[in-house]
Amino acid sequence: MGNATGRGIVTQLALVATCLLAPSVPAQSLQAPHEAAVVSPRLKVDAGVLFPAQALRDHVVQAITVDLVLVVDAEGRVSEAKVVTPVGHGFDEAAISAAQKLVFEPATRDGRALAARIKYRYVFSPPIATLTGEVRRAASDLP
């Protein structure tokens, strides 16, 4: 049994040595003759998104994430926006409305602008709580 294990190690070492001693091939020769250079859209303008009033009325107090799939046209405008998983409370509508105002550098292939489908995420953070009201002193308070 020790002999078989020894032969296995020698075979593995010979394989490793063969791989290490094999002539290297430049990376350029491994590529296809012409691969199109594709560049994804880059965000230029995002006015942001507000926490929906409906969510405040519904007492939603945690951060909410809305994932969208956007189609960015060859001019960099959002031509289509769809919510991946609806969350309700006005978040889906707010995310779509904000996404339609986004402006991108369009995707390109070999330097030519083209439409692209991308994923985009909005994270809604609830507004900071503020105290409202009036502080009054009781008649019995002494300075």
Protein backbone atom coordinates (compact mmCIF):
# COMPACT_ATOMS: atom_id res chain seq x y z
CA MET A 1 0.00 0.00 0.00
CA GLY A 2 2.90 2.32 0.76
CA ASN A 3 4.29 1.57 -2.71
CA ALA A 4 1.06 2.52 -4.51
CA THR A 5 0.89 5.78 -2.58
CA GLY A 6 4.51 6.51 -3.47
CA ARG A 7 3.85 5.95 -7.18
CA GLY A 8 0.79 8.24 -7.00
CA ILE A 9 2.89 11.03 -5.52
CA VAL A 10 5.59 10.58 -8.18
CA THR A 11 2.95 10.71 -10.93
CA GLN A 12 1.42 13.87 -9.43
CA LEU A 13 4.86 15.49 -9.12
CA ALA A 14 5.66 14.60 -12.72
CA LEU A 15 2.35 16.17 -13.85
CA VAL A 16 3.03 19.35 -11.85
CA ALA A 17 6.58 19.54 -13.22
CA THR A 18 5.27 19.11 -16.78
CA CYS A 19 2.76 21.92 -16.26
CA LEU A 20 5.40 24.19 -14.75
CA LEU A 21 7.91 23.49 -17.51
CA ALA A 22 5.44 23.85 -20.39
CA PRO A 23 6.10 26.89 -22.56
CA SER A 24 3.89 29.85 -21.66
CA VAL A 25 1.45 31.22 -24.22
CA PRO A 26 0.91 35.00 -24.42
CA ALA A 27 -2.58 36.06 -23.32
CA GLN A 28 -3.34 37.75 -26.65
CA SER A 29 -3.14 34.49 -28.55
CA LEU A 30 -5.79 32.93 -26.28
CA GLN A 31 -8.43 35.53 -27.22
CA ALA A 32 -10.77 35.23 -30.15
CA PRO A 33 -9.64 37.15 -33.24
CA HIS A 34 -12.04 40.04 -32.47
CA GLU A 35 -13.97 40.35 -29.24
CA ALA A 36 -16.35 43.28 -29.04
CA ALA A 37 -15.42 45.69 -26.27
CA VAL A 38 -18.65 46.13 -24.28
CA VAL A 39 -18.95 48.87 -21.67
CA SER A 40 -21.91 48.95 -19.27
CA PRO A 41 -23.97 52.10 -18.75
CA ARG A 42 -22.56 54.56 -16.18
CA LEU A 43 -24.81 56.67 -13.98
CA LYS A 44 -24.52 60.43 -14.60
CA VAL A 45 -27.57 61.91 -12.82
CA ASP A 46 -29.56 60.55 -9.87
CA ALA A 47 -31.82 63.00 -8.03
CA GLY A 48 -32.45 60.38 -5.34
CA VAL A 49 -35.67 59.06 -3.94
CA LEU A 50 -37.85 60.06 -0.99
CA PHE A 51 -39.39 57.78 1.62
CA PRO A 52 -43.02 57.44 0.50
CA ALA A 53 -45.73 59.28 2.47
CA GLN A 54 -47.88 56.13 2.33
CA ALA A 55 -45.13 54.19 4.14
CA LEU A 56 -45.07 56.82 6.89
CA ARG A 57 -48.85 56.58 7.24
CA ASP A 58 -48.47 52.78 7.39
CA HIS A 59 -45.87 53.21 10.18
CA VAL A 60 -43.01 51.60 8.23
CA VAL A 61 -39.88 52.49 10.22
CA GLN A 62 -37.16 50.23 8.80
CA ALA A 63 -34.98 50.68 5.72
CA ILE A 64 -36.52 49.12 2.61
CA THR A 65 -34.72 47.89 -0.52
CA VAL A 66 -36.35 47.87 -3.96
CA ASP A 67 -34.55 46.08 -6.80
CA LEU A 68 -35.37 47.13 -10.35
CA VAL A 69 -34.54 45.96 -13.85
CA LEU A 70 -33.98 48.96 -16.11
CA VAL A 71 -33.68 49.26 -19.86
CA VAL A 72 -31.30 52.10 -20.66
CA ASP A 73 -31.63 53.22 -24.28
CA ALA A 74 -28.81 54.25 -26.62
CA GLU A 75 -29.21 57.89 -25.49
CA GLY A 76 -28.79 56.96 -21.80
CA ARG A 77 -32.43 57.42 -20.80
CA VAL A 78 -34.44 54.82 -18.88
CA SER A 79 -37.04 53.52 -21.32
CA GLU A 80 -38.40 50.77 -19.05
CA ALA A 81 -38.32 50.13 -15.30
CA LYS A 82 -39.75 47.05 -13.56
CA VAL A 83 -39.73 46.09 -9.89
CA VAL A 84 -38.21 42.64 -9.34
CA THR A 85 -40.12 41.87 -6.10
CA PRO A 86 -42.86 44.32 -5.08
CA VAL A 87 -42.73 45.52 -1.45
CA GLY A 88 -45.80 47.79 -1.35
CA HIS A 89 -46.45 50.85 0.89
CA GLY A 90 -45.66 53.16 -2.05
CA PHE A 91 -42.01 52.03 -2.37
CA ASP A 92 -42.45 50.36 -5.77
CA GLU A 93 -44.06 53.43 -7.33
CA ALA A 94 -41.47 55.78 -5.78
CA ALA A 95 -38.61 53.63 -7.10
CA ILE A 96 -40.04 53.48 -10.63
CA SER A 97 -40.72 57.21 -10.66
CA ALA A 98 -37.17 58.01 -9.50
CA ALA A 99 -35.63 55.50 -11.94
CA GLN A 100 -37.37 57.16 -14.90
CA LYS A 101 -35.45 60.37 -14.06
CA LEU A 102 -32.02 58.68 -14.04
CA VAL A 103 -29.54 59.66 -16.74
CA PHE A 104 -26.73 57.35 -17.84
CA GLU A 105 -23.78 57.32 -20.17
CA PRO A 106 -25.16 54.65 -22.51
CA ALA A 107 -23.67 51.21 -22.87
CA THR A 108 -21.32 50.82 -25.81
CA ARG A 109 -20.00 48.02 -27.99
CA ASP A 110 -16.87 48.87 -29.94
CA GLY A 111 -17.53 52.55 -29.17
CA ARG A 112 -21.11 52.55 -30.51
CA ALA A 113 -23.98 53.36 -28.11
CA LEU A 114 -26.60 50.67 -27.60
CA ALA A 115 -29.51 49.85 -25.32
CA ALA A 116 -28.81 47.69 -22.26
CA ARG A 117 -30.74 45.94 -19.52
CA ILE A 118 -29.30 46.46 -16.02
CA LYS A 119 -30.18 45.86 -12.39
CA TYR A 120 -30.55 48.90 -10.14
CA ARG A 121 -31.27 49.14 -6.42
CA TYR A 122 -32.87 51.82 -4.29
CA VAL A 123 -32.51 51.74 -0.51
CA PHE A 124 -35.12 53.82 1.27
CA SER A 125 -34.05 55.08 4.68
CA PRO A 126 -36.81 56.36 6.95
CA PRO A 127 -36.62 60.04 7.83
CA ILE A 128 -35.12 61.00 11.17
CA ALA A 129 -37.80 61.35 13.82
CA THR A 130 -38.53 64.87 15.00
CA LEU A 131 -40.28 65.93 18.14
CA THR A 132 -43.17 68.31 17.77
CA GLY A 133 -45.17 70.09 20.37
CA GLU A 134 -44.66 72.65 23.04
CA VAL A 135 -42.83 72.48 26.35
CA ARG A 136 -44.80 74.10 29.16
CA ARG A 137 -43.84 74.75 32.70
CA ALA A 138 -46.17 73.71 35.41
CA ALA A 139 -47.32 76.45 37.76
CA SER A 140 -45.66 74.62 40.63
CA ASP A 141 -42.20 74.54 38.95
CA LEU A 142 -39.70 76.71 40.77
CA PRO A 143 -36.60 78.08 39.05
